[in-house]
């Protein structure tokens, strides 16, 4: 076997190792250390931090909230992204280019800026509540800020382009003759979409859902701004442990637990989808 491919990819592998693997390894080692408010980090090797995370209902609630928000975000992104990707696939090349720019346009803007925009919309004195009051539809502001629903709404806006692009890429590999054959046999447009198009988009839905779920579960800026101190997720909890209480080992243990949990969920979901739609994924 020639060593040329490895030599050519060596710079990227080294950069990957330095920027990702080394910090992850240091975080993993740090999670086994102890912490004292007077002495700081104590270089020991124990499982006390993991026992605290896994044995405290407070952290179970935070993890459950985090995965619930990520799951809801993924489901809504799929419901929006699959039809949008199919429409994008059926457009003419000129309009397709325009719509692709519209889809990826929000990705060119900082997540913080987009989240602050949602804060302006969802606040008690925000655009939505002010408009509803002016129209006489409500007397008191609807609570949308500092709620899980507000976080999900903003995360969908942030991550739905990833779902659209993933499903659209899968549709590019679709055999157009199968759709034409179904139409020639009298199938309705809905039947064609449900029986022909949707199974062939499974690879895109799978990849898009994995991307959206992992990014939503580890998202920090949007939950921090729209959730504040009332709706804590894992990412904001890790931030608090590192920056407020200065308990770095416990924060590292929470971060590692999140990484392992997300990987288990993603691998399980991948296996289930492959088992159910094995032929479509080939």
Protein backbone atom coordinates (compact mmCIF):
# COMPACT_ATOMS: atom_id res chain seq x y z
CA UNK A 1 0.00 0.00 0.00
CA UNK A 2 1.36 3.40 -0.99
CA UNK A 3 2.13 5.88 1.77
CA UNK A 4 1.48 8.87 -0.49
CA UNK A 5 -2.20 9.35 0.56
CA UNK A 6 -1.18 9.39 4.23
CA UNK A 7 1.64 11.83 3.57
CA UNK A 8 -0.67 14.15 1.61
CA UNK A 9 -3.28 14.11 4.36
CA UNK A 10 -0.74 14.39 7.19
CA UNK A 11 -1.05 18.21 7.60
CA UNK A 12 -4.83 17.98 7.94
CA UNK A 13 -4.56 15.03 10.34
CA UNK A 14 -2.03 16.88 12.48
CA UNK A 15 -4.22 19.99 12.56
CA UNK A 16 -7.25 17.84 13.42
CA UNK A 17 -5.35 16.18 16.24
CA UNK A 18 -4.03 19.43 17.68
CA UNK A 19 -7.29 21.37 17.54
CA UNK A 20 -9.75 18.61 18.46
CA UNK A 21 -8.26 15.42 19.84
CA UNK A 22 -5.76 17.06 22.19
CA UNK A 23 -8.35 19.35 23.88
CA UNK A 24 -10.79 16.43 24.16
CA UNK A 25 -8.09 14.28 25.72
CA UNK A 26 -7.19 17.01 28.20
CA UNK A 27 -10.86 17.48 29.08
CA UNK A 28 -11.26 13.73 29.60
CA UNK A 29 -8.25 13.60 31.93
CA UNK A 30 -9.45 16.71 33.78
CA UNK A 31 -12.82 15.08 34.47
CA UNK A 32 -11.16 12.56 36.81
CA UNK A 33 -9.53 15.23 38.97
CA UNK A 34 -10.97 16.51 42.24
CA UNK A 35 -11.82 20.09 43.19
CA UNK A 36 -11.61 22.03 46.41
CA UNK A 37 -12.82 25.62 46.81
CA UNK A 38 -9.67 26.51 48.72
CA UNK A 39 -7.04 24.40 46.95
CA UNK A 40 -8.54 24.45 43.45
CA UNK A 41 -8.00 21.50 41.10
CA UNK A 42 -6.46 18.48 42.84
CA UNK A 43 -4.69 16.11 40.38
CA UNK A 44 -6.23 12.83 41.48
CA UNK A 45 -7.83 9.97 39.55
CA UNK A 46 -11.36 9.15 40.62
CA UNK A 47 -14.95 8.82 39.44
CA UNK A 48 -16.47 11.20 41.99
CA UNK A 49 -17.44 13.77 39.35
CA UNK A 50 -19.21 11.19 37.17
CA UNK A 51 -20.92 9.75 40.24
CA UNK A 52 -22.21 13.23 41.08
CA UNK A 53 -23.46 13.84 37.55
CA UNK A 54 -25.14 10.45 37.17
CA UNK A 55 -26.46 10.29 40.72
CA UNK A 56 -28.04 13.73 41.03
CA UNK A 57 -31.59 14.24 39.72
CA UNK A 58 -30.70 17.89 39.03
CA UNK A 59 -28.34 16.87 36.25
CA UNK A 60 -30.76 14.24 34.95
CA UNK A 61 -33.35 16.99 34.55
CA UNK A 62 -30.87 19.16 32.66
CA UNK A 63 -29.88 16.32 30.34
CA UNK A 64 -33.51 15.40 29.75
CA UNK A 65 -34.36 19.01 28.92
CA UNK A 66 -31.38 19.26 26.58
CA UNK A 67 -32.22 16.11 24.65
CA UNK A 68 -35.91 17.04 24.56
CA UNK A 69 -35.08 20.40 22.98
CA UNK A 70 -32.67 18.73 20.54
CA UNK A 71 -35.25 16.08 19.57
CA UNK A 72 -38.01 18.64 19.05
CA UNK A 73 -35.66 20.80 16.97
CA UNK A 74 -34.67 17.81 14.83
CA UNK A 75 -38.28 16.73 14.25
CA UNK A 76 -39.44 20.21 13.24
CA UNK A 77 -36.40 20.69 10.99
CA UNK A 78 -37.25 17.39 9.27
CA UNK A 79 -40.90 18.38 8.80
CA UNK A 80 -39.84 21.69 7.26
CA UNK A 81 -36.67 20.60 5.49
CA UNK A 82 -37.90 17.54 3.58
CA UNK A 83 -40.73 19.28 1.64
CA UNK A 84 -38.54 22.35 1.13
CA UNK A 85 -35.72 20.21 -0.26
CA UNK A 86 -38.15 18.42 -2.59
CA UNK A 87 -39.50 21.74 -3.87
CA UNK A 88 -35.90 22.87 -4.34
CA UNK A 89 -35.19 19.70 -6.31
CA UNK A 90 -38.16 20.30 -8.64
CA UNK A 91 -37.34 23.93 -9.40
CA UNK A 92 -35.72 25.08 -12.59
CA UNK A 93 -31.94 25.70 -12.44
CA UNK A 94 -32.35 29.49 -12.31
CA UNK A 95 -34.86 29.50 -9.48
CA UNK A 96 -32.98 26.71 -7.73
CA UNK A 97 -29.89 28.91 -7.50
CA UNK A 98 -31.95 31.74 -6.02
CA UNK A 99 -33.62 29.49 -3.44
CA UNK A 100 -30.30 27.90 -2.45
CA UNK A 101 -28.94 31.36 -1.72
CA UNK A 102 -32.02 32.09 0.38
CA UNK A 103 -31.60 28.82 2.30
CA UNK A 104 -27.90 29.27 3.07
CA UNK A 105 -28.16 33.05 3.55
CA UNK A 106 -28.85 32.83 7.31
CA UNK A 107 -25.67 30.76 7.74
CA UNK A 108 -23.68 33.84 6.74
CA UNK A 109 -24.95 35.69 9.82
CA UNK A 110 -23.65 35.03 13.32
CA UNK A 111 -25.77 32.75 15.51
CA UNK A 112 -25.60 35.37 18.26
CA UNK A 113 -27.01 38.05 15.96
CA UNK A 114 -29.86 35.79 14.82
CA UNK A 115 -30.65 34.80 18.40
CA UNK A 116 -30.73 38.44 19.51
CA UNK A 117 -33.18 39.03 16.67
CA UNK A 118 -35.43 36.34 18.11
CA UNK A 119 -35.08 37.94 21.55
CA UNK A 120 -36.42 41.18 20.08
CA UNK A 121 -39.34 39.29 18.54
CA UNK A 122 -40.24 37.08 21.51
CA UNK A 123 -39.81 39.48 24.46
CA UNK A 124 -42.71 40.64 26.60
CA UNK A 125 -42.36 44.02 24.91
CA UNK A 126 -41.15 42.49 21.68
CA UNK A 127 -42.54 42.85 18.20
CA UNK A 128 -44.96 39.90 18.44
CA UNK A 129 -46.52 40.79 21.80
CA UNK A 130 -46.70 44.48 20.89
CA UNK A 131 -48.47 43.69 17.62
CA UNK A 132 -50.95 41.33 19.31
CA UNK A 133 -51.72 43.99 21.94
CA UNK A 134 -52.21 46.69 19.33
CA UNK A 135 -54.63 44.43 17.44
CA UNK A 136 -56.57 43.75 20.64
CA UNK A 137 -55.95 40.00 20.54
CA UNK A 138 -54.29 39.76 23.97
CA UNK A 139 -54.35 41.75 27.20
CA UNK A 140 -51.19 40.38 28.78
CA UNK A 141 -47.95 39.49 27.04
CA UNK A 142 -47.53 35.86 26.02
CA UNK A 143 -44.47 34.40 27.70
CA UNK A 144 -42.15 33.27 24.92
CA UNK A 145 -38.77 34.34 26.27
CA UNK A 146 -37.05 32.06 28.80
CA UNK A 147 -39.08 29.05 27.67
CA UNK A 148 -38.15 25.80 25.98
CA UNK A 149 -40.51 26.61 23.10
CA UNK A 150 -38.69 29.86 22.36
CA UNK A 151 -35.35 28.04 22.34
CA UNK A 152 -36.68 25.38 19.97
CA UNK A 153 -38.09 28.02 17.64
CA UNK A 154 -34.78 29.84 17.40
CA UNK A 155 -32.78 26.60 17.01
CA UNK A 156 -35.03 25.52 14.14
CA UNK A 157 -34.28 28.80 12.39
CA UNK A 158 -30.56 28.24 12.95
CA UNK A 159 -30.34 24.57 11.90
CA UNK A 160 -33.04 24.00 9.27
CA UNK A 161 -30.64 24.89 6.39
CA UNK A 162 -28.50 21.88 7.32
CA UNK A 163 -31.51 19.58 6.99
CA UNK A 164 -32.55 21.12 3.67
CA UNK A 165 -29.07 20.78 2.17
CA UNK A 166 -28.66 17.19 3.43
CA UNK A 167 -32.00 16.04 1.98
CA UNK A 168 -31.41 17.95 -1.27
CA UNK A 169 -28.04 16.20 -1.68
CA UNK A 170 -29.81 12.84 -1.28
CA UNK A 171 -32.41 13.81 -3.87
CA UNK A 172 -29.64 14.48 -6.38
CA UNK A 173 -28.93 10.74 -6.38
CA UNK A 174 -32.60 9.81 -6.83
CA UNK A 175 -33.61 7.91 -9.96
CA UNK A 176 -36.09 10.21 -11.76
CA UNK A 177 -37.51 7.32 -13.81
CA UNK A 178 -39.18 5.79 -10.74
CA UNK A 179 -41.20 8.93 -10.13
CA UNK A 180 -42.20 9.16 -13.77
CA UNK A 181 -43.20 5.47 -13.79
CA UNK A 182 -45.42 5.96 -10.73
CA UNK A 183 -47.13 8.96 -12.32
CA UNK A 184 -47.71 7.03 -15.54
CA UNK A 185 -49.44 4.28 -13.55
CA UNK A 186 -51.90 6.78 -12.09
CA UNK A 187 -50.38 7.45 -8.69
CA UNK A 188 -51.37 10.74 -7.07
CA UNK A 189 -48.68 13.34 -6.28
CA UNK A 190 -49.02 12.58 -2.56
CA UNK A 191 -48.64 8.84 -3.19
CA UNK A 192 -45.61 9.44 -5.38
CA UNK A 193 -44.02 11.54 -2.66
CA UNK A 194 -44.87 9.06 0.12
CA UNK A 195 -44.04 5.79 -1.68
CA UNK A 196 -41.30 6.81 -4.11
CA UNK A 197 -39.61 10.06 -3.10
CA UNK A 198 -39.62 9.81 0.69
CA UNK A 199 -37.88 6.38 0.93
CA UNK A 200 -35.13 7.63 -1.39
CA UNK A 201 -34.56 10.66 0.84
CA UNK A 202 -33.86 8.51 3.91
CA UNK A 203 -30.07 8.90 3.62
CA UNK A 204 -30.45 12.68 3.59
CA UNK A 205 -32.93 12.67 6.46
CA UNK A 206 -30.59 10.44 8.45
CA UNK A 207 -27.52 12.59 7.90
CA UNK A 208 -29.47 15.82 8.40
CA UNK A 209 -31.07 14.60 11.62
CA UNK A 210 -27.71 13.50 13.02
CA UNK A 211 -26.20 16.90 12.22
CA UNK A 212 -29.13 18.88 13.64
CA UNK A 213 -29.50 16.75 16.77
CA UNK A 214 -25.82 16.85 17.70
CA UNK A 215 -25.55 20.59 17.10
CA UNK A 216 -28.80 21.36 18.95
CA UNK A 217 -27.80 19.22 21.95
CA UNK A 218 -24.48 21.05 22.28
CA UNK A 219 -25.75 24.52 21.38
CA UNK A 220 -24.76 27.27 23.80
CA UNK A 221 -25.45 30.77 22.45
CA UNK A 222 -29.15 30.35 21.69
CA UNK A 223 -30.14 28.65 25.00
CA UNK A 224 -27.98 31.09 26.94
CA UNK A 225 -29.67 34.16 25.41
CA UNK A 226 -33.26 32.93 25.10
CA UNK A 227 -33.26 30.58 28.11
CA UNK A 228 -31.25 32.69 30.51
CA UNK A 229 -30.94 31.29 34.02
CA UNK A 230 -34.43 29.81 33.99
CA UNK A 231 -33.98 27.19 31.26
CA UNK A 232 -30.60 25.57 31.79
CA UNK A 233 -29.21 23.07 29.32
CA UNK A 234 -26.01 21.04 29.44
CA UNK A 235 -23.90 23.58 27.55
CA UNK A 236 -24.84 26.46 29.85
CA UNK A 237 -24.31 24.22 32.88
CA UNK A 238 -20.78 23.40 31.72
CA UNK A 239 -20.14 27.13 31.23
CA UNK A 240 -21.33 27.86 34.76
CA UNK A 241 -19.09 25.20 36.26
CA UNK A 242 -16.06 26.50 34.39
CA UNK A 243 -16.59 30.25 34.68
CA UNK A 244 -18.72 30.80 37.80
CA UNK A 245 -17.99 28.08 40.37
CA UNK A 246 -14.56 27.36 38.80
CA UNK A 247 -15.15 23.63 39.30
CA UNK A 248 -13.41 22.61 36.09
CA UNK A 249 -13.31 18.85 36.81
CA UNK A 250 -17.07 18.70 37.31
CA UNK A 251 -17.65 20.81 34.19
CA UNK A 252 -15.35 18.49 32.24
CA UNK A 253 -17.26 15.45 33.50
CA UNK A 254 -20.56 16.99 32.39
CA UNK A 255 -19.08 17.78 28.96
CA UNK A 256 -17.71 14.26 28.52
CA UNK A 257 -21.02 12.76 29.61
CA UNK A 258 -22.82 14.87 27.01
CA UNK A 259 -20.37 13.77 24.31
CA UNK A 260 -20.78 10.09 25.15
CA UNK A 261 -24.58 10.36 25.40
CA UNK A 262 -24.85 12.13 22.02
CA UNK A 263 -22.59 9.54 20.38
CA UNK A 264 -24.68 6.67 21.80
CA UNK A 265 -27.92 8.26 20.60
CA UNK A 266 -26.51 8.96 17.14
CA UNK A 267 -25.10 5.44 16.70
CA UNK A 268 -28.36 3.87 17.91
CA UNK A 269 -30.45 6.05 15.62
CA UNK A 270 -28.17 5.24 12.69
CA UNK A 271 -28.47 1.49 13.32
CA UNK A 272 -32.27 1.63 13.66
CA UNK A 273 -32.70 3.58 10.42
CA UNK A 274 -30.28 1.33 8.55
CA UNK A 275 -32.15 -1.75 9.77
CA UNK A 276 -35.51 -0.29 8.77
CA UNK A 277 -34.47 1.25 5.43
CA UNK A 278 -31.41 -0.80 4.58
CA UNK A 279 -32.25 -1.12 0.90
CA UNK A 280 -32.87 2.61 0.45
CA UNK A 281 -29.54 3.47 2.08
CA UNK A 282 -27.56 1.29 -0.30
